[in-house]
Amino acid sequence: MKRLIPLALLAALPFAAAAQTTPPADPQAQKARFEQFRALDSERRQERIRILQEADACISRAETPDTYRACKKSEREAHKAVRDRMKTAKGQKRMMMRAERKGDCMRGKRWQQ
């Protein structure tokens, strides 16, 4: 019986956390974040298009299986570089957003709305 009470409390913990609501974000801040997201997404898509065009040109010039494989390898490496760069950019953005939220909570702005 003594073991069931802590287990019941642990089971209820996610529901208690979900019950705490946060006020809606500032519309201007949401718009700014969306603009940043859209710019980052557009940049990523343009990079992918450029890589595909370069790979297509390289493959069309390939005359042997070895040169074809070299084209595919350079394409994979370029895609990986873009993914890594975007992951870093998204991580930095995420850290900035967390810092903003933490700063707002410390100043009490988040709960005054």
PDB file of N, CA and C in Angstrom:
ATOM      1  N   MET A   1       0.826  -1.195   0.000  1.00  0.00           N
ATOM      2  CA  MET A   1       0.000   0.000   0.000  1.00  0.00           C
ATOM      3  C   MET A   1       0.871   1.260   0.000  1.00  0.00           C
ATOM      4  N   LYS A   2       1.959   1.218   0.781  1.00  0.00           N
ATOM      5  CA  LYS A   2       2.832   2.388   0.850  1.00  0.00           C
ATOM      6  C   LYS A   2       3.500   2.659  -0.496  1.00  0.00           C
ATOM      7  N   ARG A   3       3.698   1.626  -1.272  1.00  0.00           N
ATOM      8  CA  ARG A   3       4.323   1.793  -2.584  1.00  0.00           C
ATOM      9  C   ARG A   3       3.351   2.373  -3.603  1.00  0.00           C
ATOM     10  N   LEU A   4       2.085   2.154  -3.429  1.00  0.00           N
ATOM     11  CA  LEU A   4       1.092   2.619  -4.393  1.00  0.00           C
ATOM     12  C   LEU A   4       0.896   4.132  -4.353  1.00  0.00           C
ATOM     13  N   ILE A   5       1.021   4.727  -3.202  1.00  0.00           N
ATOM     14  CA  ILE A   5       0.805   6.179  -3.088  1.00  0.00           C
ATOM     15  C   ILE A   5       1.845   6.951  -3.900  1.00  0.00           C
ATOM     16  N   PRO A   6       3.156   6.665  -3.757  1.00  0.00           N
ATOM     17  CA  PRO A   6       4.116   7.397  -4.610  1.00  0.00           C
ATOM     18  C   PRO A   6       3.908   7.122  -6.094  1.00  0.00           C
ATOM     19  N   LEU A   7       3.531   5.895  -6.436  1.00  0.00           N
ATOM     20  CA  LEU A   7       3.278   5.595  -7.845  1.00  0.00           C
ATOM     21  C   LEU A   7       2.076   6.370  -8.377  1.00  0.00           C
ATOM     22  N   ALA A   8       1.058   6.499  -7.561  1.00  0.00           N
ATOM     23  CA  ALA A   8      -0.118   7.268  -7.971  1.00  0.00           C
ATOM     24  C   ALA A   8       0.244   8.742  -8.147  1.00  0.00           C
ATOM     25  N   LEU A   9       1.091   9.254  -7.273  1.00  0.00           N
ATOM     26  CA  LEU A   9       1.525  10.649  -7.400  1.00  0.00           C
ATOM     27  C   LEU A   9       2.351  10.846  -8.665  1.00  0.00           C
ATOM     28  N   LEU A  10       3.226   9.898  -8.956  1.00  0.00           N
ATOM     29  CA  LEU A  10       4.029   9.993 -10.173  1.00  0.00           C
ATOM     30  C   LEU A  10       3.156   9.902 -11.417  1.00  0.00           C
ATOM     31  N   ALA A  11       2.131   9.086 -11.368  1.00  0.00           N
ATOM     32  CA  ALA A  11       1.236   8.957 -12.513  1.00  0.00           C
ATOM     33  C   ALA A  11       0.424  10.233 -12.731  1.00  0.00           C
ATOM     34  N   ALA A  12       0.115  10.951 -11.670  1.00  0.00           N
ATOM     35  CA  ALA A  12      -0.678  12.175 -11.785  1.00  0.00           C
ATOM     36  C   ALA A  12       0.166  13.387 -12.151  1.00  0.00           C
ATOM     37  N   LEU A  13       1.472  13.275 -12.053  1.00  0.00           N
ATOM     38  CA  LEU A  13       2.360  14.411 -12.307  1.00  0.00           C
ATOM     39  C   LEU A  13       2.207  14.998 -13.708  1.00  0.00           C
ATOM     40  N   PRO A  14       2.160  14.205 -14.789  1.00  0.00           N
ATOM     41  CA  PRO A  14       1.999  14.818 -16.114  1.00  0.00           C
ATOM     42  C   PRO A  14       0.699  15.604 -16.261  1.00  0.00           C
ATOM     43  N   PHE A  15      -0.356  15.131 -15.609  1.00  0.00           N
ATOM     44  CA  PHE A  15      -1.622  15.847 -15.701  1.00  0.00           C
ATOM     45  C   PHE A  15      -1.560  17.179 -14.967  1.00  0.00           C
ATOM     46  N   ALA A  16      -0.844  17.218 -13.861  1.00  0.00           N
ATOM     47  CA  ALA A  16      -0.686  18.467 -13.117  1.00  0.00           C
ATOM     48  C   ALA A  16       0.141  19.460 -13.922  1.00  0.00           C
ATOM     49  N   ALA A  17       1.173  18.968 -14.595  1.00  0.00           N
ATOM     50  CA  ALA A  17       2.004  19.852 -15.415  1.00  0.00           C
ATOM     51  C   ALA A  17       1.211  20.387 -16.603  1.00  0.00           C
ATOM     52  N   ALA A  18       0.358  19.552 -17.178  1.00  0.00           N
ATOM     53  CA  ALA A  18      -0.440  19.995 -18.322  1.00  0.00           C
ATOM     54  C   ALA A  18      -1.498  21.007 -17.908  1.00  0.00           C
ATOM     55  N   ALA A  19      -1.923  20.955 -16.660  1.00  0.00           N
ATOM     56  CA  ALA A  19      -2.956  21.867 -16.188  1.00  0.00           C
ATOM     57  C   ALA A  19      -2.431  23.290 -16.052  1.00  0.00           C
ATOM     58  N   GLN A  20      -1.117  23.446 -15.889  1.00  0.00           N
ATOM     59  CA  GLN A  20      -0.550  24.785 -15.792  1.00  0.00           C
ATOM     60  C   GLN A  20      -0.512  25.374 -17.194  1.00  0.00           C
ATOM     61  N   THR A  21      -1.251  26.444 -17.395  1.00  0.00           N
ATOM     62  CA  THR A  21      -1.297  27.057 -18.720  1.00  0.00           C
ATOM     63  C   THR A  21      -0.418  28.293 -18.734  1.00  0.00           C
ATOM     64  N   THR A  22       0.118  28.576 -19.883  1.00  0.00           N
ATOM     65  CA  THR A  22       0.907  29.785 -20.051  1.00  0.00           C
ATOM     66  C   THR A  22       0.087  30.768 -20.857  1.00  0.00           C
ATOM     67  N   PRO A  23       0.258  32.030 -20.611  1.00  0.00           N
ATOM     68  CA  PRO A  23      -0.492  33.028 -21.374  1.00  0.00           C
ATOM     69  C   PRO A  23      -0.040  33.026 -22.833  1.00  0.00           C
ATOM     70  N   PRO A  24      -0.881  33.488 -23.738  1.00  0.00           N
ATOM     71  CA  PRO A  24      -0.493  33.517 -25.147  1.00  0.00           C
ATOM     72  C   PRO A  24       0.698  34.439 -25.374  1.00  0.00           C
ATOM     73  N   ALA A  25       1.499  34.076 -26.348  1.00  0.00           N
ATOM     74  CA  ALA A  25       2.692  34.859 -26.658  1.00  0.00           C
ATOM     75  C   ALA A  25       2.305  36.185 -27.302  1.00  0.00           C
ATOM     76  N   ASP A  26       3.206  37.116 -27.229  1.00  0.00           N
ATOM     77  CA  ASP A  26       3.018  38.421 -27.839  1.00  0.00           C
ATOM     78  C   ASP A  26       2.879  38.255 -29.353  1.00  0.00           C
ATOM     79  N   PRO A  27       1.828  38.802 -29.982  1.00  0.00           N
ATOM     80  CA  PRO A  27       1.628  38.617 -31.430  1.00  0.00           C
ATOM     81  C   PRO A  27       2.797  39.146 -32.263  1.00  0.00           C
ATOM     82  N   GLN A  28       3.393  40.248 -31.846  1.00  0.00           N
ATOM     83  CA  GLN A  28       4.516  40.793 -32.603  1.00  0.00           C
ATOM     84  C   GLN A  28       5.725  39.872 -32.496  1.00  0.00           C
ATOM     85  N   ALA A  29       5.936  39.291 -31.324  1.00  0.00           N
ATOM     86  CA  ALA A  29       7.048  38.356 -31.159  1.00  0.00           C
ATOM     87  C   ALA A  29       6.808  37.096 -31.982  1.00  0.00           C
ATOM     88  N   GLN A  30       5.551  36.640 -32.017  1.00  0.00           N
ATOM     89  CA  GLN A  30       5.217  35.473 -32.836  1.00  0.00           C
ATOM     90  C   GLN A  30       5.487  35.752 -34.307  1.00  0.00           C
ATOM     91  N   LYS A  31       5.112  36.943 -34.757  1.00  0.00           N
ATOM     92  CA  LYS A  31       5.322  37.303 -36.153  1.00  0.00           C
ATOM     93  C   LYS A  31       6.817  37.368 -36.472  1.00  0.00           C
ATOM     94  N   ALA A  32       7.598  37.930 -35.561  1.00  0.00           N
ATOM     95  CA  ALA A  32       9.052  38.015 -35.769  1.00  0.00           C
ATOM     96  C   ALA A  32       9.663  36.620 -35.836  1.00  0.00           C
ATOM     97  N   ARG A  33       9.221  35.722 -34.942  1.00  0.00           N
ATOM     98  CA  ARG A  33       9.738  34.352 -34.964  1.00  0.00           C
ATOM     99  C   ARG A  33       9.336  33.650 -36.259  1.00  0.00           C
ATOM    100  N   PHE A  34       8.106  33.892 -36.725  1.00  0.00           N
ATOM    101  CA  PHE A  34       7.665  33.283 -37.976  1.00  0.00           C
ATOM    102  C   PHE A  34       8.504  33.786 -39.144  1.00  0.00           C
ATOM    103  N   GLU A  35       8.801  35.073 -39.163  1.00  0.00           N
ATOM    104  CA  GLU A  35       9.624  35.633 -40.241  1.00  0.00           C
ATOM    105  C   GLU A  35      11.013  35.001 -40.235  1.00  0.00           C
ATOM    106  N   GLN A  36      11.583  34.815 -39.045  1.00  0.00           N
ATOM    107  CA  GLN A  36      12.891  34.159 -38.943  1.00  0.00           C
ATOM    108  C   GLN A  36      12.804  32.724 -39.458  1.00  0.00           C
ATOM    109  N   PHE A  37      11.754  32.019 -39.048  1.00  0.00           N
ATOM    110  CA  PHE A  37      11.565  30.644 -39.496  1.00  0.00           C
ATOM    111  C   PHE A  37      11.430  30.582 -41.008  1.00  0.00           C
ATOM    112  N   ARG A  38      10.625  31.473 -41.557  1.00  0.00           N
ATOM    113  CA  ARG A  38      10.393  31.475 -42.996  1.00  0.00           C
ATOM    114  C   ARG A  38      11.687  31.770 -43.756  1.00  0.00           C
ATOM    115  N   ALA A  39      12.472  32.706 -43.277  1.00  0.00           N
ATOM    116  CA  ALA A  39      13.737  33.036 -43.935  1.00  0.00           C
ATOM    117  C   ALA A  39      14.701  31.849 -43.874  1.00  0.00           C
ATOM    118  N   LEU A  40      14.773  31.204 -42.731  1.00  0.00           N
ATOM    119  CA  LEU A  40      15.659  30.056 -42.580  1.00  0.00           C
ATOM    120  C   LEU A  40      15.206  28.912 -43.486  1.00  0.00           C
ATOM    121  N   ASP A  41      13.917  28.679 -43.560  1.00  0.00           N
ATOM    122  CA  ASP A  41      13.382  27.616 -44.405  1.00  0.00           C
ATOM    123  C   ASP A  41      13.639  27.920 -45.877  1.00  0.00           C
ATOM    124  N   SER A  42      13.458  29.155 -46.273  1.00  0.00           N
ATOM    125  CA  SER A  42      13.701  29.541 -47.662  1.00  0.00           C
ATOM    126  C   SER A  42      15.179  29.356 -48.021  1.00  0.00           C
ATOM    127  N   GLU A  43      16.044  29.757 -47.101  1.00  0.00           N
ATOM    128  CA  GLU A  43      17.485  29.599 -47.339  1.00  0.00           C
ATOM    129  C   GLU A  43      17.840  28.125 -47.508  1.00  0.00           C
ATOM    130  N   ARG A  44      17.262  27.290 -46.665  1.00  0.00           N
ATOM    131  CA  ARG A  44      17.541  25.852 -46.727  1.00  0.00           C
ATOM    132  C   ARG A  44      17.058  25.276 -48.058  1.00  0.00           C
ATOM    133  N   ARG A  45      15.896  25.689 -48.498  1.00  0.00           N
ATOM    134  CA  ARG A  45      15.369  25.186 -49.766  1.00  0.00           C
ATOM    135  C   ARG A  45      16.220  25.640 -50.950  1.00  0.00           C
ATOM    136  N   GLN A  46      16.663  26.885 -50.928  1.00  0.00           N
ATOM    137  CA  GLN A  46      17.518  27.378 -52.004  1.00  0.00           C
ATOM    138  C   GLN A  46      18.828  26.598 -52.052  1.00  0.00           C
ATOM    139  N   GLU A  47      19.377  26.290 -50.884  1.00  0.00           N
ATOM    140  CA  GLU A  47      20.605  25.495 -50.821  1.00  0.00           C
ATOM    141  C   GLU A  47      20.381  24.106 -51.410  1.00  0.00           C
ATOM    142  N   ARG A  48      19.257  23.494 -51.077  1.00  0.00           N
ATOM    143  CA  ARG A  48      18.961  22.164 -51.601  1.00  0.00           C
ATOM    144  C   ARG A  48      18.820  22.196 -53.121  1.00  0.00           C
ATOM    145  N   ILE A  49      18.159  23.225 -53.628  1.00  0.00           N
ATOM    146  CA  ILE A  49      17.999  23.359 -55.081  1.00  0.00           C
ATOM    147  C   ILE A  49      19.365  23.510 -55.748  1.00  0.00           C
ATOM    148  N   ARG A  50      20.224  24.343 -55.162  1.00  0.00           N
ATOM    149  CA  ARG A  50      21.560  24.546 -55.727  1.00  0.00           C
ATOM    150  C   ARG A  50      22.347  23.241 -55.748  1.00  0.00           C
ATOM    151  N   ILE A  51      22.282  22.487 -54.645  1.00  0.00           N
ATOM    152  CA  ILE A  51      23.010  21.218 -54.563  1.00  0.00           C
ATOM    153  C   ILE A  51      22.496  20.246 -55.622  1.00  0.00           C
ATOM    154  N   LEU A  52      21.186  20.168 -55.776  1.00  0.00           N
ATOM    155  CA  LEU A  52      20.615  19.252 -56.766  1.00  0.00           C
ATOM    156  C   LEU A  52      21.005  19.644 -58.187  1.00  0.00           C
ATOM    157  N   GLN A  53      21.032  20.945 -58.468  1.00  0.00           N
ATOM    158  CA  GLN A  53      21.422  21.393 -59.805  1.00  0.00           C
ATOM    159  C   GLN A  53      22.888  21.058 -60.087  1.00  0.00           C
ATOM    160  N   GLU A  54      23.746  21.276 -59.081  1.00  0.00           N
ATOM    161  CA  GLU A  54      25.165  20.945 -59.249  1.00  0.00           C
ATOM    162  C   GLU A  54      25.351  19.439 -59.429  1.00  0.00           C
ATOM    163  N   ALA A  55      24.615  18.648 -58.649  1.00  0.00           N
ATOM    164  CA  ALA A  55      24.722  17.198 -58.766  1.00  0.00           C
ATOM    165  C   ALA A  55      24.234  16.738 -60.136  1.00  0.00           C
ATOM    166  N   ASP A  56      23.151  17.326 -60.620  1.00  0.00           N
ATOM    167  CA  ASP A  56      22.631  16.962 -61.937  1.00  0.00           C
ATOM    168  C   ASP A  56      23.661  17.261 -63.026  1.00  0.00           C
ATOM    169  N   ALA A  57      24.277  18.423 -62.941  1.00  0.00           N
ATOM    170  CA  ALA A  57      25.294  18.780 -63.940  1.00  0.00           C
ATOM    171  C   ALA A  57      26.490  17.830 -63.855  1.00  0.00           C
ATOM    172  N   CYS A  58      26.902  17.500 -62.644  1.00  0.00           N
ATOM    173  CA  CYS A  58      28.036  16.597 -62.456  1.00  0.00           C
ATOM    174  C   CYS A  58      27.715  15.209 -62.999  1.00  0.00           C
ATOM    175  N   ILE A  59      26.526  14.710 -62.699  1.00  0.00           N
ATOM    176  CA  ILE A  59      26.136  13.372 -63.152  1.00  0.00           C
ATOM    177  C   ILE A  59      26.031  13.331 -64.676  1.00  0.00           C
ATOM    178  N   SER A  60      25.531  14.394 -65.276  1.00  0.00           N
ATOM    179  CA  SER A  60      25.420  14.404 -66.738  1.00  0.00           C
ATOM    180  C   SER A  60      26.801  14.437 -67.400  1.00  0.00           C
ATOM    181  N   ARG A  61      27.803  14.974 -66.705  1.00  0.00           N
ATOM    182  CA  ARG A  61      29.174  14.985 -67.234  1.00  0.00           C
ATOM    183  C   ARG A  61      29.920  13.692 -66.944  1.00  0.00           C
ATOM    184  N   ALA A  62      29.425  12.873 -66.019  1.00  0.00           N
ATOM    185  CA  ALA A  62      30.125  11.650 -65.610  1.00  0.00           C
ATOM    186  C   ALA A  62      30.191  10.668 -66.772  1.00  0.00           C
ATOM    187  N   GLU A  63      31.392  10.137 -66.987  1.00  0.00           N
ATOM    188  CA  GLU A  63      31.583   9.181 -68.074  1.00  0.00           C
ATOM    189  C   GLU A  63      31.903   7.782 -67.571  1.00  0.00           C
ATOM    190  N   THR A  64      32.256   7.670 -66.304  1.00  0.00           N
ATOM    191  CA  THR A  64      32.579   6.357 -65.739  1.00  0.00           C
ATOM    192  C   THR A  64      31.821   6.183 -64.429  1.00  0.00           C
ATOM    193  N   PRO A  65      31.666   4.941 -63.982  1.00  0.00           N
ATOM    194  CA  PRO A  65      31.003   4.707 -62.695  1.00  0.00           C
ATOM    195  C   PRO A  65      31.715   5.397 -61.523  1.00  0.00           C
ATOM    196  N   ASP A  66      33.034   5.505 -61.628  1.00  0.00           N
ATOM    197  CA  ASP A  66      33.782   6.166 -60.549  1.00  0.00           C
ATOM    198  C   ASP A  66      33.455   7.652 -60.464  1.00  0.00           C
ATOM    199  N   THR A  67      33.363   8.312 -61.612  1.00  0.00           N
ATOM    200  CA  THR A  67      33.023   9.743 -61.576  1.00  0.00           C
ATOM    201  C   THR A  67      31.575   9.940 -61.134  1.00  0.00           C
ATOM    202  N   TYR A  68      30.697   9.001 -61.520  1.00  0.00           N
ATOM    203  CA  TYR A  68      29.301   9.063 -61.059  1.00  0.00           C
ATOM    204  C   TYR A  68      29.257   8.947 -59.534  1.00  0.00           C
ATOM    205  N   ARG A  69      29.989   7.974 -58.988  1.00  0.00           N
ATOM    206  CA  ARG A  69      30.018   7.802 -57.525  1.00  0.00           C
ATOM    207  C   ARG A  69      30.601   9.032 -56.835  1.00  0.00           C
ATOM    208  N   ALA A  70      31.586   9.639 -57.450  1.00  0.00           N
ATOM    209  CA  ALA A  70      32.168  10.852 -56.868  1.00  0.00           C
ATOM    210  C   ALA A  70      31.132  11.980 -56.838  1.00  0.00           C
ATOM    211  N   CYS A  71      30.312  12.077 -57.880  1.00  0.00           N
ATOM    212  CA  CYS A  71      29.249  13.087 -57.910  1.00  0.00           C
ATOM    213  C   CYS A  71      28.245  12.845 -56.790  1.00  0.00           C
ATOM    214  N   LYS A  72      27.827  11.586 -56.640  1.00  0.00           N
ATOM    215  CA  LYS A  72      26.864  11.256 -55.590  1.00  0.00           C
ATOM    216  C   LYS A  72      27.452  11.513 -54.202  1.00  0.00           C
ATOM    217  N   LYS A  73      28.729  11.198 -54.044  1.00  0.00           N
ATOM    218  CA  LYS A  73      29.382  11.416 -52.751  1.00  0.00           C
ATOM    219  C   LYS A  73      29.440  12.910 -52.424  1.00  0.00           C
ATOM    220  N   SER A  74      29.797  13.730 -53.393  1.00  0.00           N
ATOM    221  CA  SER A  74      29.857  15.171 -53.134  1.00  0.00           C
ATOM    222  C   SER A  74      28.460  15.729 -52.854  1.00  0.00           C
ATOM    223  N   GLU A  75      27.441  15.171 -53.516  1.00  0.00           N
ATOM    224  CA  GLU A  75      26.069  15.605 -53.250  1.00  0.00           C
ATOM    225  C   GLU A  75      25.669  15.263 -51.811  1.00  0.00           C
ATOM    226  N   ARG A  76      25.959  14.030 -51.390  1.00  0.00           N
ATOM    227  CA  ARG A  76      25.639  13.628 -50.008  1.00  0.00           C
ATOM    228  C   ARG A  76      26.350  14.515 -48.992  1.00  0.00           C
ATOM    229  N   GLU A  77      27.625  14.791 -49.244  1.00  0.00           N
ATOM    230  CA  GLU A  77      28.390  15.634 -48.319  1.00  0.00           C
ATOM    231  C   GLU A  77      27.820  17.050 -48.263  1.00  0.00           C
ATOM    232  N   ALA A  78      27.407  17.571 -49.409  1.00  0.00           N
ATOM    233  CA  ALA A  78      26.837  18.917 -49.432  1.00  0.00           C
ATOM    234  C   ALA A  78      25.513  18.955 -48.671  1.00  0.00           C
ATOM    235  N   HIS A  79      24.679  17.933 -48.864  1.00  0.00           N
ATOM    236  CA  HIS A  79      23.405  17.871 -48.124  1.00  0.00           C
ATOM    237  C   HIS A  79      23.662  17.764 -46.620  1.00  0.00           C
ATOM    238  N   LYS A  80      24.647  16.973 -46.239  1.00  0.00           N
ATOM    239  CA  LYS A  80      24.968  16.833 -44.815  1.00  0.00           C
ATOM    240  C   LYS A  80      25.458  18.158 -44.239  1.00  0.00           C
ATOM    241  N   ALA A  81      26.261  18.882 -44.997  1.00  0.00           N
ATOM    242  CA  ALA A  81      26.751  20.178 -44.524  1.00  0.00           C
ATOM    243  C   ALA A  81      25.594  21.148 -44.298  1.00  0.00           C
ATOM    244  N   VAL A  82      24.627  21.143 -45.223  1.00  0.00           N
ATOM    245  CA  VAL A  82      23.464  22.020 -45.073  1.00  0.00           C
ATOM    246  C   VAL A  82      22.659  21.614 -43.847  1.00  0.00           C
ATOM    247  N   ARG A  83      22.436  20.313 -43.680  1.00  0.00           N
ATOM    248  CA  ARG A  83      21.690  19.839 -42.504  1.00  0.00           C
ATOM    249  C   ARG A  83      22.377  20.240 -41.213  1.00  0.00           C
ATOM    250  N   ASP A  84      23.684  20.057 -41.171  1.00  0.00           N
ATOM    251  CA  ASP A  84      24.425  20.412 -39.954  1.00  0.00           C
ATOM    252  C   ASP A  84      24.353  21.906 -39.675  1.00  0.00           C
ATOM    253  N   ARG A  85      24.492  22.714 -40.726  1.00  0.00           N
ATOM    254  CA  ARG A  85      24.437  24.165 -40.546  1.00  0.00           C
ATOM    255  C   ARG A  85      23.051  24.606 -40.084  1.00  0.00           C
ATOM    256  N   MET A  86      22.016  24.028 -40.662  1.00  0.00           N
ATOM    257  CA  MET A  86      20.658  24.389 -40.266  1.00  0.00           C
ATOM    258  C   MET A  86      20.357  23.915 -38.841  1.00  0.00           C
ATOM    259  N   LYS A  87      20.880  22.738 -38.491  1.00  0.00           N
ATOM    260  CA  LYS A  87      20.689  22.235 -37.137  1.00  0.00           C
ATOM    261  C   LYS A  87      21.317  23.196 -36.132  1.00  0.00           C
ATOM    262  N   THR A  88      22.508  23.694 -36.465  1.00  0.00           N
ATOM    263  CA  THR A  88      23.186  24.646 -35.591  1.00  0.00           C
ATOM    264  C   THR A  88      22.383  25.944 -35.498  1.00  0.00           C
ATOM    265  N   ALA A  89      21.894  26.427 -36.628  1.00  0.00           N
ATOM    266  CA  ALA A  89      21.113  27.667 -36.630  1.00  0.00           C
ATOM    267  C   ALA A  89      19.823  27.503 -35.832  1.00  0.00           C
ATOM    268  N   LYS A  90      19.158  26.361 -35.998  1.00  0.00           N
ATOM    269  CA  LYS A  90      17.928  26.122 -35.246  1.00  0.00           C
ATOM    270  C   LYS A  90      18.224  25.997 -33.762  1.00  0.00           C
ATOM    271  N   GLY A  91      19.345  25.353 -33.425  1.00  0.00           N
ATOM    272  CA  GLY A  91      19.726  25.216 -32.019  1.00  0.00           C
ATOM    273  C   GLY A  91      20.001  26.566 -31.384  1.00  0.00           C
ATOM    274  N   GLN A  92      20.688  27.444 -32.118  1.00  0.00           N
ATOM    275  CA  GLN A  92      20.956  28.779 -31.599  1.00  0.00           C
ATOM    276  C   GLN A  92      19.662  29.551 -31.422  1.00  0.00           C
ATOM    277  N   LYS A  93      18.753  29.427 -32.370  1.00  0.00           N
ATOM    278  CA  LYS A  93      17.464  30.124 -32.272  1.00  0.00           C
ATOM    279  C   LYS A  93      16.691  29.599 -31.068  1.00  0.00           C
ATOM    280  N   ARG A  94      16.706  28.279 -30.898  1.00  0.00           N
ATOM    281  CA  ARG A  94      16.000  27.670 -29.768  1.00  0.00           C
ATOM    282  C   ARG A  94      16.568  28.173 -28.437  1.00  0.00           C
ATOM    283  N   MET A  95      17.892  28.291 -28.362  1.00  0.00           N
ATOM    284  CA  MET A  95      18.520  28.794 -27.132  1.00  0.00           C
ATOM    285  C   MET A  95      18.115  30.239 -26.867  1.00  0.00           C
ATOM    286  N   MET A  96      18.040  31.051 -27.926  1.00  0.00           N
ATOM    287  CA  MET A  96      17.628  32.445 -27.760  1.00  0.00           C
ATOM    288  C   MET A  96      16.192  32.526 -27.264  1.00  0.00           C
ATOM    289  N   MET A  97      15.318  31.673 -27.818  1.00  0.00           N
ATOM    290  CA  MET A  97      13.924  31.692 -27.402  1.00  0.00           C
ATOM    291  C   MET A  97      13.793  31.264 -25.938  1.00  0.00           C
ATOM    292  N   ARG A  98      14.572  30.268 -25.535  1.00  0.00           N
ATOM    293  CA  ARG A  98      14.539  29.830 -24.134  1.00  0.00           C
ATOM    294  C   ARG A  98      15.020  30.943 -23.220  1.00  0.00           C
ATOM    295  N   ALA A  99      16.071  31.641 -23.647  1.00  0.00           N
ATOM    296  CA  ALA A  99      16.592  32.741 -22.831  1.00  0.00           C
ATOM    297  C   ALA A  99      15.563  33.854 -22.712  1.00  0.00           C
ATOM    298  N   GLU A 100      14.846  34.126 -23.811  1.00  0.00           N
ATOM    299  CA  GLU A 100      13.792  35.150 -23.763  1.00  0.00           C
ATOM    300  C   GLU A 100      12.710  34.749 -22.771  1.00  0.00           C
ATOM    301  N   ARG A 101      12.271  33.490 -22.863  1.00  0.00           N
ATOM    302  CA  ARG A 101      11.217  33.032 -21.956  1.00  0.00           C
ATOM    303  C   ARG A 101      11.688  33.061 -20.514  1.00  0.00           C
ATOM    304  N   LYS A 102      12.907  32.629 -20.291  1.00  0.00           N
ATOM    305  CA  LYS A 102      13.434  32.620 -18.922  1.00  0.00           C
ATOM    306  C   LYS A 102      13.557  34.043 -18.396  1.00  0.00           C
ATOM    307  N   GLY A 103      14.016  34.941 -19.237  1.00  0.00           N
ATOM    308  CA  GLY A 103      14.129  36.339 -18.832  1.00  0.00           C
ATOM    309  C   GLY A 103      12.782  36.949 -18.528  1.00  0.00           C
ATOM    310  N   ASP A 104      11.773  36.617 -19.339  1.00  0.00           N
ATOM    311  CA  ASP A 104      10.428  37.131 -19.096  1.00  0.00           C
ATOM    312  C   ASP A 104       9.880  36.619 -17.776  1.00  0.00           C
ATOM    313  N   CYS A 105      10.124  35.348 -17.490  1.00  0.00           N
ATOM    314  CA  CYS A 105       9.626  34.780 -16.236  1.00  0.00           C
ATOM    315  C   CYS A 105      10.298  35.447 -15.044  1.00  0.00           C
ATOM    316  N   MET A 106      11.582  35.709 -15.167  1.00  0.00           N
ATOM    317  CA  MET A 106      12.308  36.308 -14.041  1.00  0.00           C
ATOM    318  C   MET A 106      11.850  37.734 -13.782  1.00  0.00           C
ATOM    319  N   ARG A 107      11.461  38.414 -14.842  1.00  0.00           N
ATOM    320  CA  ARG A 107      10.991  39.795 -14.649  1.00  0.00           C
ATOM    321  C   ARG A 107       9.499  39.848 -14.344  1.00  0.00           C
ATOM    322  N   GLY A 108       8.852  38.702 -14.426  1.00  0.00           N
ATOM    323  CA  GLY A 108       7.422  38.652 -14.106  1.00  0.00           C
ATOM    324  C   GLY A 108       6.525  39.077 -15.238  1.00  0.00           C
ATOM    325  N   LYS A 109       7.074  39.358 -16.413  1.00  0.00           N
ATOM    326  CA  LYS A 109       6.266  39.827 -17.534  1.00  0.00           C
ATOM    327  C   LYS A 109       5.330  38.740 -18.047  1.00  0.00           C
ATOM    328  N   ARG A 110       5.792  37.530 -17.981  1.00  0.00           N
ATOM    329  CA  ARG A 110       5.008  36.442 -18.551  1.00  0.00           C
ATOM    330  C   ARG A 110       3.681  36.274 -17.833  1.00  0.00           C
ATOM    331  N   TRP A 111       3.654  36.519 -16.575  1.00  0.00           N
ATOM    332  CA  TRP A 111       2.442  36.278 -15.794  1.00  0.00           C
ATOM    333  C   TRP A 111       1.589  37.526 -15.598  1.00  0.00           C
ATOM    334  N   GLN A 112       2.077  38.684 -16.029  1.00  0.00           N
ATOM    335  CA  GLN A 112       1.324  39.916 -15.851  1.00  0.00           C
ATOM    336  C   GLN A 112       0.333  40.175 -16.969  1.00  0.00           C
ATOM    337  N   GLN A 113       0.400  39.428 -18.043  1.00  0.00           N
ATOM    338  CA  GLN A 113      -0.460  39.681 -19.206  1.00  0.00           C
ATOM    339  C   GLN A 113      -1.887  39.382 -18.941  1.00  0.00           C
TER     340      GLN A 113
END
